[in-house]
Structures are given as C-alpha cells and as structure tokens.
PDB file of all heavy atoms in Angstrom:
ATOM      1  N   MET A   1      26.690  -2.893 -12.785  1.00  0.00           N
ATOM      2  CA  MET A   1      26.904  -1.421 -12.611  1.00  0.00           C
ATOM      3  C   MET A   1      26.722  -0.669 -13.916  1.00  0.00           C
ATOM      4  O   MET A   1      26.303   0.457 -13.932  1.00  0.00           O
ATOM      5  CB  MET A   1      28.254  -1.121 -11.959  1.00  0.00           C
ATOM      6  CG  MET A   1      28.357  -1.491 -10.504  1.00  0.00           C
ATOM      7  SD  MET A   1      30.017  -1.192  -9.868  1.00  0.00           S
ATOM      8  CE  MET A   1      29.718  -1.382  -8.135  1.00  0.00           C
ATOM      9  N   THR A   2      27.187  -1.299 -14.986  1.00  0.00           N
ATOM     10  CA  THR A   2      27.018  -0.667 -16.343  1.00  0.00           C
ATOM     11  C   THR A   2      25.512  -0.444 -16.662  1.00  0.00           C
ATOM     12  O   THR A   2      25.123   0.615 -17.170  1.00  0.00           O
ATOM     13  CB  THR A   2      27.786  -1.452 -17.374  1.00  0.00           C
ATOM     14  OG1 THR A   2      29.127  -1.591 -17.060  1.00  0.00           O
ATOM     15  CG2 THR A   2      27.661  -0.693 -18.776  1.00  0.00           C
ATOM     16  N   PHE A   3      24.762  -1.448 -16.484  1.00  0.00           N
ATOM     17  CA  PHE A   3      23.323  -1.348 -16.702  1.00  0.00           C
ATOM     18  C   PHE A   3      22.695  -0.187 -15.885  1.00  0.00           C
ATOM     19  O   PHE A   3      22.003   0.590 -16.402  1.00  0.00           O
ATOM     20  CB  PHE A   3      22.581  -2.732 -16.356  1.00  0.00           C
ATOM     21  CG  PHE A   3      22.434  -3.671 -17.399  1.00  0.00           C
ATOM     22  CD1 PHE A   3      23.075  -4.919 -17.355  1.00  0.00           C
ATOM     23  CD2 PHE A   3      21.630  -3.383 -18.517  1.00  0.00           C
ATOM     24  CE1 PHE A   3      22.863  -5.831 -18.426  1.00  0.00           C
ATOM     25  CE2 PHE A   3      21.464  -4.249 -19.489  1.00  0.00           C
ATOM     26  CZ  PHE A   3      22.077  -5.517 -19.494  1.00  0.00           C
ATOM     27  N   VAL A   4      23.016  -0.215 -14.592  1.00  0.00           N
ATOM     28  CA  VAL A   4      22.485   0.752 -13.658  1.00  0.00           C
ATOM     29  C   VAL A   4      22.937   2.136 -14.055  1.00  0.00           C
ATOM     30  O   VAL A   4      22.173   3.149 -14.027  1.00  0.00           O
ATOM     31  CB  VAL A   4      22.830   0.471 -12.234  1.00  0.00           C
ATOM     32  CG1 VAL A   4      22.361   1.531 -11.327  1.00  0.00           C
ATOM     33  CG2 VAL A   4      22.158  -0.854 -11.788  1.00  0.00           C
ATOM     34  N   ALA A   5      24.247   2.290 -14.424  1.00  0.00           N
ATOM     35  CA  ALA A   5      24.816   3.540 -14.794  1.00  0.00           C
ATOM     36  C   ALA A   5      24.038   4.133 -15.990  1.00  0.00           C
ATOM     37  O   ALA A   5      23.695   5.350 -16.100  1.00  0.00           O
ATOM     38  CB  ALA A   5      26.278   3.471 -15.065  1.00  0.00           C
ATOM     39  N   TYR A   6      23.775   3.279 -16.975  1.00  0.00           N
ATOM     40  CA  TYR A   6      23.063   3.697 -18.187  1.00  0.00           C
ATOM     41  C   TYR A   6      21.596   4.136 -17.859  1.00  0.00           C
ATOM     42  O   TYR A   6      21.181   5.241 -18.246  1.00  0.00           O
ATOM     43  CB  TYR A   6      23.071   2.580 -19.171  1.00  0.00           C
ATOM     44  CG  TYR A   6      22.293   2.928 -20.514  1.00  0.00           C
ATOM     45  CD1 TYR A   6      22.940   3.514 -21.571  1.00  0.00           C
ATOM     46  CD2 TYR A   6      20.961   2.722 -20.572  1.00  0.00           C
ATOM     47  CE1 TYR A   6      22.269   3.912 -22.698  1.00  0.00           C
ATOM     48  CE2 TYR A   6      20.254   3.094 -21.763  1.00  0.00           C
ATOM     49  CZ  TYR A   6      20.894   3.699 -22.800  1.00  0.00           C
ATOM     50  OH  TYR A   6      20.242   4.071 -23.926  1.00  0.00           O
ATOM     51  N   LEU A   7      20.896   3.308 -17.124  1.00  0.00           N
ATOM     52  CA  LEU A   7      19.469   3.583 -16.856  1.00  0.00           C
ATOM     53  C   LEU A   7      19.362   4.852 -15.981  1.00  0.00           C
ATOM     54  O   LEU A   7      18.411   5.584 -16.101  1.00  0.00           O
ATOM     55  CB  LEU A   7      18.892   2.374 -16.220  1.00  0.00           C
ATOM     56  CG  LEU A   7      18.797   1.129 -17.106  1.00  0.00           C
ATOM     57  CD1 LEU A   7      18.219  -0.035 -16.292  1.00  0.00           C
ATOM     58  CD2 LEU A   7      17.931   1.346 -18.292  1.00  0.00           C
ATOM     59  N   ASN A   8      20.283   4.990 -14.998  1.00  0.00           N
ATOM     60  CA  ASN A   8      20.240   6.092 -14.116  1.00  0.00           C
ATOM     61  C   ASN A   8      20.562   7.432 -14.845  1.00  0.00           C
ATOM     62  O   ASN A   8      19.914   8.463 -14.659  1.00  0.00           O
ATOM     63  CB  ASN A   8      21.198   5.922 -12.962  1.00  0.00           C
ATOM     64  CG  ASN A   8      20.932   6.853 -11.849  1.00  0.00           C
ATOM     65  OD1 ASN A   8      19.788   7.133 -11.519  1.00  0.00           O
ATOM     66  ND2 ASN A   8      21.957   7.330 -11.145  1.00  0.00           N
ATOM     67  N   LYS A   9      21.558   7.323 -15.786  1.00  0.00           N
ATOM     68  CA  LYS A   9      21.887   8.542 -16.522  1.00  0.00           C
ATOM     69  C   LYS A   9      20.836   9.017 -17.485  1.00  0.00           C
ATOM     70  O   LYS A   9      20.599  10.177 -17.638  1.00  0.00           O
ATOM     71  CB  LYS A   9      23.166   8.155 -17.401  1.00  0.00           C
ATOM     72  CG  LYS A   9      23.753   9.336 -18.196  1.00  0.00           C
ATOM     73  CD  LYS A   9      24.438  10.353 -17.310  1.00  0.00           C
ATOM     74  CE  LYS A   9      25.061  11.412 -18.098  1.00  0.00           C
ATOM     75  NZ  LYS A   9      25.713  12.435 -17.256  1.00  0.00           N
ATOM     76  N   LYS A  10      20.063   7.976 -17.980  1.00  0.00           N
ATOM     77  CA  LYS A  10      18.985   8.289 -18.901  1.00  0.00           C
ATOM     78  C   LYS A  10      17.613   8.682 -18.098  1.00  0.00           C
ATOM     79  O   LYS A  10      16.694   9.066 -18.805  1.00  0.00           O
ATOM     80  CB  LYS A  10      18.645   7.033 -19.766  1.00  0.00           C
ATOM     81  CG  LYS A  10      19.768   6.650 -20.715  1.00  0.00           C
ATOM     82  CD  LYS A  10      19.972   7.758 -21.827  1.00  0.00           C
ATOM     83  CE  LYS A  10      20.933   7.334 -22.842  1.00  0.00           C
ATOM     84  NZ  LYS A  10      21.088   8.376 -23.939  1.00  0.00           N
ATOM     85  N   GLY A  11      17.697   8.630 -16.802  1.00  0.00           N
ATOM     86  CA  GLY A  11      16.553   9.054 -16.041  1.00  0.00           C
ATOM     87  C   GLY A  11      15.449   8.036 -15.959  1.00  0.00           C
ATOM     88  O   GLY A  11      14.334   8.397 -15.508  1.00  0.00           O
ATOM     89  N   LEU A  12      15.722   6.831 -16.420  1.00  0.00           N
ATOM     90  CA  LEU A  12      14.609   5.809 -16.380  1.00  0.00           C
ATOM     91  C   LEU A  12      14.143   5.434 -14.979  1.00  0.00           C
ATOM     92  O   LEU A  12      13.015   5.405 -14.694  1.00  0.00           O
ATOM     93  CB  LEU A  12      15.107   4.593 -17.105  1.00  0.00           C
ATOM     94  CG  LEU A  12      14.040   3.474 -17.260  1.00  0.00           C
ATOM     95  CD1 LEU A  12      12.895   3.962 -18.214  1.00  0.00           C
ATOM     96  CD2 LEU A  12      14.653   2.217 -17.857  1.00  0.00           C
ATOM     97  N   ILE A  13      15.182   5.244 -14.064  1.00  0.00           N
ATOM     98  CA  ILE A  13      14.783   4.916 -12.687  1.00  0.00           C
ATOM     99  C   ILE A  13      13.993   6.014 -12.043  1.00  0.00           C
ATOM    100  O   ILE A  13      12.977   5.774 -11.367  1.00  0.00           O
ATOM    101  CB  ILE A  13      16.071   4.596 -11.891  1.00  0.00           C
ATOM    102  CG1 ILE A  13      16.781   3.359 -12.502  1.00  0.00           C
ATOM    103  CG2 ILE A  13      15.776   4.342 -10.470  1.00  0.00           C
ATOM    104  CD1 ILE A  13      18.151   3.028 -11.860  1.00  0.00           C
ATOM    105  N   GLU A  14      14.453   7.230 -12.201  1.00  0.00           N
ATOM    106  CA  GLU A  14      13.712   8.394 -11.708  1.00  0.00           C
ATOM    107  C   GLU A  14      12.336   8.466 -12.247  1.00  0.00           C
ATOM    108  O   GLU A  14      11.363   8.731 -11.481  1.00  0.00           O
ATOM    109  CB  GLU A  14      14.563   9.683 -11.922  1.00  0.00           C
ATOM    110  CG  GLU A  14      14.103  10.861 -11.214  1.00  0.00           C
ATOM    111  CD  GLU A  14      15.045  12.058 -11.421  1.00  0.00           C
ATOM    112  OE1 GLU A  14      16.203  11.928 -10.993  1.00  0.00           O
ATOM    113  OE2 GLU A  14      14.534  13.089 -11.985  1.00  0.00           O
ATOM    114  N   SER A  15      12.215   8.230 -13.532  1.00  0.00           N
ATOM    115  CA  SER A  15      10.867   8.314 -14.101  1.00  0.00           C
ATOM    116  C   SER A  15       9.918   7.272 -13.529  1.00  0.00           C
ATOM    117  O   SER A  15       8.737   7.544 -13.292  1.00  0.00           O
ATOM    118  CB  SER A  15      10.992   8.121 -15.663  1.00  0.00           C
ATOM    119  OG  SER A  15      11.696   9.140 -16.275  1.00  0.00           O
ATOM    120  N   LEU A  16      10.409   6.037 -13.294  1.00  0.00           N
ATOM    121  CA  LEU A  16       9.618   5.044 -12.727  1.00  0.00           C
ATOM    122  C   LEU A  16       9.130   5.435 -11.308  1.00  0.00           C
ATOM    123  O   LEU A  16       7.938   5.092 -10.914  1.00  0.00           O
ATOM    124  CB  LEU A  16      10.392   3.715 -12.639  1.00  0.00           C
ATOM    125  CG  LEU A  16      10.600   3.019 -14.001  1.00  0.00           C
ATOM    126  CD1 LEU A  16      11.454   1.821 -13.814  1.00  0.00           C
ATOM    127  CD2 LEU A  16       9.259   2.677 -14.704  1.00  0.00           C
ATOM    128  N   ILE A  17       9.959   6.042 -10.569  1.00  0.00           N
ATOM    129  CA  ILE A  17       9.565   6.501  -9.217  1.00  0.00           C
ATOM    130  C   ILE A  17       8.419   7.420  -9.269  1.00  0.00           C
ATOM    131  O   ILE A  17       7.390   7.333  -8.552  1.00  0.00           O
ATOM    132  CB  ILE A  17      10.752   7.212  -8.515  1.00  0.00           C
ATOM    133  CG1 ILE A  17      11.884   6.202  -8.254  1.00  0.00           C
ATOM    134  CG2 ILE A  17      10.291   7.766  -7.158  1.00  0.00           C
ATOM    135  CD1 ILE A  17      13.113   6.851  -7.651  1.00  0.00           C
ATOM    136  N   TYR A  18       8.552   8.454 -10.125  1.00  0.00           N
ATOM    137  CA  TYR A  18       7.507   9.508 -10.255  1.00  0.00           C
ATOM    138  C   TYR A  18       6.208   8.925 -10.809  1.00  0.00           C
ATOM    139  O   TYR A  18       5.114   9.456 -10.567  1.00  0.00           O
ATOM    140  CB  TYR A  18       8.033  10.649 -11.157  1.00  0.00           C
ATOM    141  CG  TYR A  18       9.184  11.326 -10.564  1.00  0.00           C
ATOM    142  CD1 TYR A  18      10.248  11.771 -11.384  1.00  0.00           C
ATOM    143  CD2 TYR A  18       9.237  11.627  -9.251  1.00  0.00           C
ATOM    144  CE1 TYR A  18      11.359  12.452 -10.831  1.00  0.00           C
ATOM    145  CE2 TYR A  18      10.332  12.297  -8.688  1.00  0.00           C
ATOM    146  CZ  TYR A  18      11.370  12.644  -9.458  1.00  0.00           C
ATOM    147  OH  TYR A  18      12.461  13.286  -8.940  1.00  0.00           O
ATOM    148  N   ARG A  19       6.215   7.806 -11.514  1.00  0.00           N
ATOM    149  CA  ARG A  19       5.005   7.273 -12.043  1.00  0.00           C
ATOM    150  C   ARG A  19       4.227   6.546 -10.965  1.00  0.00           C
ATOM    151  O   ARG A  19       3.020   6.463 -11.033  1.00  0.00           O
ATOM    152  CB  ARG A  19       5.336   6.237 -13.226  1.00  0.00           C
ATOM    153  CG  ARG A  19       5.808   6.956 -14.472  1.00  0.00           C
ATOM    154  CD  ARG A  19       6.186   5.940 -15.573  1.00  0.00           C
ATOM    155  NE  ARG A  19       6.785   6.551 -16.701  1.00  0.00           N
ATOM    156  CZ  ARG A  19       6.129   7.036 -17.749  1.00  0.00           C
ATOM    157  NH1 ARG A  19       4.803   6.937 -17.741  1.00  0.00           N
ATOM    158  NH2 ARG A  19       6.739   7.638 -18.786  1.00  0.00           N
ATOM    159  N   PHE A  20       4.941   5.948 -10.014  1.00  0.00           N
ATOM    160  CA  PHE A  20       4.223   5.083  -9.048  1.00  0.00           C
ATOM    161  C   PHE A  20       4.092   5.722  -7.640  1.00  0.00           C
ATOM    162  O   PHE A  20       3.181   5.375  -6.920  1.00  0.00           O
ATOM    163  CB  PHE A  20       5.061   3.759  -8.827  1.00  0.00           C
ATOM    164  CG  PHE A  20       5.009   2.815 -10.007  1.00  0.00           C
ATOM    165  CD1 PHE A  20       6.033   2.735 -10.910  1.00  0.00           C
ATOM    166  CD2 PHE A  20       3.888   2.066 -10.204  1.00  0.00           C
ATOM    167  CE1 PHE A  20       6.011   1.924 -11.994  1.00  0.00           C
ATOM    168  CE2 PHE A  20       3.853   1.176 -11.312  1.00  0.00           C
ATOM    169  CZ  PHE A  20       4.859   1.112 -12.192  1.00  0.00           C
ATOM    170  N   LEU A  21       4.887   6.782  -7.358  1.00  0.00           N
ATOM    171  CA  LEU A  21       4.668   7.472  -6.101  1.00  0.00           C
ATOM    172  C   LEU A  21       3.656   8.617  -6.218  1.00  0.00           C
ATOM    173  O   LEU A  21       3.604   9.306  -7.201  1.00  0.00           O
ATOM    174  CB  LEU A  21       6.005   8.052  -5.605  1.00  0.00           C
ATOM    175  CG  LEU A  21       7.069   7.007  -5.105  1.00  0.00           C
ATOM    176  CD1 LEU A  21       8.317   7.739  -4.753  1.00  0.00           C
ATOM    177  CD2 LEU A  21       6.430   6.219  -3.937  1.00  0.00           C
ATOM    178  N   PRO A  22       2.896   8.834  -5.195  1.00  0.00           N
ATOM    179  CA  PRO A  22       1.936   9.957  -5.177  1.00  0.00           C
ATOM    180  C   PRO A  22       2.658  11.336  -5.064  1.00  0.00           C
ATOM    181  O   PRO A  22       3.835  11.334  -4.746  1.00  0.00           O
ATOM    182  CB  PRO A  22       1.038   9.665  -3.970  1.00  0.00           C
ATOM    183  CG  PRO A  22       1.896   8.879  -3.097  1.00  0.00           C
ATOM    184  CD  PRO A  22       2.774   8.015  -3.967  1.00  0.00           C
ATOM    185  N   SER A  23       1.967  12.394  -5.261  1.00  0.00           N
ATOM    186  CA  SER A  23       2.620  13.687  -5.062  1.00  0.00           C
ATOM    187  C   SER A  23       3.092  14.024  -3.649  1.00  0.00           C
ATOM    188  O   SER A  23       4.065  14.729  -3.435  1.00  0.00           O
ATOM    189  CB  SER A  23       1.640  14.786  -5.573  1.00  0.00           C
ATOM    190  OG  SER A  23       1.312  14.619  -6.920  1.00  0.00           O
ATOM    191  N   SER A  24       2.354  13.424  -2.668  1.00  0.00           N
ATOM    192  CA  SER A  24       2.719  13.629  -1.334  1.00  0.00           C
ATOM    193  C   SER A  24       2.534  12.294  -0.557  1.00  0.00           C
ATOM    194  O   SER A  24       1.521  11.580  -0.753  1.00  0.00           O
ATOM    195  CB  SER A  24       1.798  14.674  -0.636  1.00  0.00           C
ATOM    196  OG  SER A  24       2.176  14.853   0.688  1.00  0.00           O
ATOM    197  N   ILE A  25       3.487  11.998   0.220  1.00  0.00           N
ATOM    198  CA  ILE A  25       3.480  10.670   0.981  1.00  0.00           C
ATOM    199  C   ILE A  25       4.191  10.888   2.265  1.00  0.00           C
ATOM    200  O   ILE A  25       5.248  11.645   2.343  1.00  0.00           O
ATOM    201  CB  ILE A  25       4.056   9.496   0.192  1.00  0.00           C
ATOM    202  CG1 ILE A  25       3.988   8.253   0.952  1.00  0.00           C
ATOM    203  CG2 ILE A  25       5.569   9.845  -0.124  1.00  0.00           C
ATOM    204  CD1 ILE A  25       4.393   7.023   0.157  1.00  0.00           C
ATOM    205  N   SER A  26       3.719  10.292   3.367  1.00  0.00           N
ATOM    206  CA  SER A  26       4.413  10.500   4.662  1.00  0.00           C
ATOM    207  C   SER A  26       5.832   9.794   4.564  1.00  0.00           C
ATOM    208  O   SER A  26       5.938   8.797   3.882  1.00  0.00           O
ATOM    209  CB  SER A  26       3.638   9.806   5.778  1.00  0.00           C
ATOM    210  OG  SER A  26       3.583   8.421   5.682  1.00  0.00           O
ATOM    211  N   GLU A  27       6.803  10.385   5.300  1.00  0.00           N
ATOM    212  CA  GLU A  27       8.125   9.817   5.258  1.00  0.00           C
ATOM    213  C   GLU A  27       8.185   8.413   5.829  1.00  0.00           C
ATOM    214  O   GLU A  27       8.969   7.554   5.424  1.00  0.00           O
ATOM    215  CB  GLU A  27       9.072  10.740   5.986  1.00  0.00           C
ATOM    216  CG  GLU A  27       9.320  12.069   5.313  1.00  0.00           C
ATOM    217  CD  GLU A  27      10.151  12.995   6.123  1.00  0.00           C
ATOM    218  OE1 GLU A  27      10.249  12.797   7.383  1.00  0.00           O
ATOM    219  OE2 GLU A  27      10.704  13.962   5.547  1.00  0.00           O
ATOM    220  N   ARG A  28       7.246   8.164   6.843  1.00  0.00           N
ATOM    221  CA  ARG A  28       7.208   6.823   7.394  1.00  0.00           C
ATOM    222  C   ARG A  28       6.799   5.776   6.361  1.00  0.00           C
ATOM    223  O   ARG A  28       7.392   4.670   6.245  1.00  0.00           O
ATOM    224  CB  ARG A  28       6.266   6.813   8.597  1.00  0.00           C
ATOM    225  CG  ARG A  28       6.791   7.565   9.850  1.00  0.00           C
ATOM    226  CD  ARG A  28       5.870   7.449  10.952  1.00  0.00           C
ATOM    227  NE  ARG A  28       6.387   8.009  12.112  1.00  0.00           N
ATOM    228  CZ  ARG A  28       5.784   8.068  13.324  1.00  0.00           C
ATOM    229  NH1 ARG A  28       4.546   7.585  13.419  1.00  0.00           N
ATOM    230  NH2 ARG A  28       6.391   8.579  14.397  1.00  0.00           N
ATOM    231  N   LYS A  29       5.727   6.170   5.622  1.00  0.00           N
ATOM    232  CA  LYS A  29       5.235   5.199   4.651  1.00  0.00           C
ATOM    233  C   LYS A  29       6.254   5.035   3.511  1.00  0.00           C
ATOM    234  O   LYS A  29       6.422   3.934   2.995  1.00  0.00           O
ATOM    235  CB  LYS A  29       3.935   5.709   4.054  1.00  0.00           C
ATOM    236  CG  LYS A  29       3.259   4.832   3.099  1.00  0.00           C
ATOM    237  CD  LYS A  29       1.878   5.315   2.668  1.00  0.00           C
ATOM    238  CE  LYS A  29       1.195   4.318   1.726  1.00  0.00           C
ATOM    239  NZ  LYS A  29      -0.144   4.840   1.260  1.00  0.00           N
ATOM    240  N   LEU A  30       6.926   6.110   3.161  1.00  0.00           N
ATOM    241  CA  LEU A  30       7.972   6.024   2.113  1.00  0.00           C
ATOM    242  C   LEU A  30       9.113   5.083   2.567  1.00  0.00           C
ATOM    243  O   LEU A  30       9.591   4.379   1.757  1.00  0.00           O
ATOM    244  CB  LEU A  30       8.530   7.427   1.822  1.00  0.00           C
ATOM    245  CG  LEU A  30       9.542   7.598   0.688  1.00  0.00           C
ATOM    246  CD1 LEU A  30       8.930   7.055  -0.592  1.00  0.00           C
ATOM    247  CD2 LEU A  30      10.001   8.969   0.564  1.00  0.00           C
ATOM    248  N   LEU A  31       9.473   5.209   3.815  1.00  0.00           N
ATOM    249  CA  LEU A  31      10.531   4.325   4.331  1.00  0.00           C
ATOM    250  C   LEU A  31      10.082   2.847   4.232  1.00  0.00           C
ATOM    251  O   LEU A  31      10.872   1.963   3.917  1.00  0.00           O
ATOM    252  CB  LEU A  31      10.874   4.704   5.756  1.00  0.00           C
ATOM    253  CG  LEU A  31      12.111   3.951   6.435  1.00  0.00           C
ATOM    254  CD1 LEU A  31      13.348   4.214   5.617  1.00  0.00           C
ATOM    255  CD2 LEU A  31      12.282   4.364   7.867  1.00  0.00           C
ATOM    256  N   LEU A  32       8.818   2.568   4.610  1.00  0.00           N
ATOM    257  CA  LEU A  32       8.266   1.233   4.603  1.00  0.00           C
ATOM    258  C   LEU A  32       8.305   0.716   3.168  1.00  0.00           C
ATOM    259  O   LEU A  32       8.721  -0.503   2.892  1.00  0.00           O
ATOM    260  CB  LEU A  32       6.918   1.160   5.198  1.00  0.00           C
ATOM    261  CG  LEU A  32       6.141  -0.148   5.109  1.00  0.00           C
ATOM    262  CD1 LEU A  32       6.915  -1.247   5.913  1.00  0.00           C
ATOM    263  CD2 LEU A  32       4.746  -0.067   5.608  1.00  0.00           C
ATOM    264  N   LEU A  33       7.814   1.517   2.217  1.00  0.00           N
ATOM    265  CA  LEU A  33       7.823   1.117   0.813  1.00  0.00           C
ATOM    266  C   LEU A  33       9.210   0.847   0.339  1.00  0.00           C
ATOM    267  O   LEU A  33       9.373  -0.141  -0.494  1.00  0.00           O
ATOM    268  CB  LEU A  33       7.133   2.216  -0.018  1.00  0.00           C
ATOM    269  CG  LEU A  33       5.606   2.380   0.191  1.00  0.00           C
ATOM    270  CD1 LEU A  33       5.069   3.494  -0.590  1.00  0.00           C
ATOM    271  CD2 LEU A  33       4.868   1.115  -0.154  1.00  0.00           C
ATOM    272  N   THR A  34      10.143   1.609   0.785  1.00  0.00           N
ATOM    273  CA  THR A  34      11.528   1.384   0.323  1.00  0.00           C
ATOM    274  C   THR A  34      12.081   0.095   0.837  1.00  0.00           C
ATOM    275  O   THR A  34      12.714  -0.687   0.123  1.00  0.00           O
ATOM    276  CB  THR A  34      12.427   2.564   0.879  1.00  0.00           C
ATOM    277  OG1 THR A  34      11.987   3.793   0.381  1.00  0.00           O
ATOM    278  CG2 THR A  34      13.880   2.326   0.450  1.00  0.00           C
ATOM    279  N   GLY A  35      11.812  -0.229   2.090  1.00  0.00           N
ATOM    280  CA  GLY A  35      12.212  -1.461   2.632  1.00  0.00           C
ATOM    281  C   GLY A  35      11.588  -2.701   2.003  1.00  0.00           C
ATOM    282  O   GLY A  35      12.255  -3.645   1.719  1.00  0.00           O
TER     283      GLY A  35
END
C-alpha cells in the first residue's frame, strides 16, 4: 500500500494510463481491457 500510495500521489499510475489509452474508446472495450 505504501508503494501504491506514493506512485498514485505522484501521478505515475495516471500518467501510464494516458500514455497507453487512446483519446476515445468504447466503454465496453475499456471494461474488457480492465478485466
């Protein structure tokens, strides 16, 4: 949890999402990718 708290606070996880996800994606496809 300490690792995750640090990386989340620094915005690293969010930055990785934006790097790999397109600007627009169907919610169905997004749910599949999440799973």
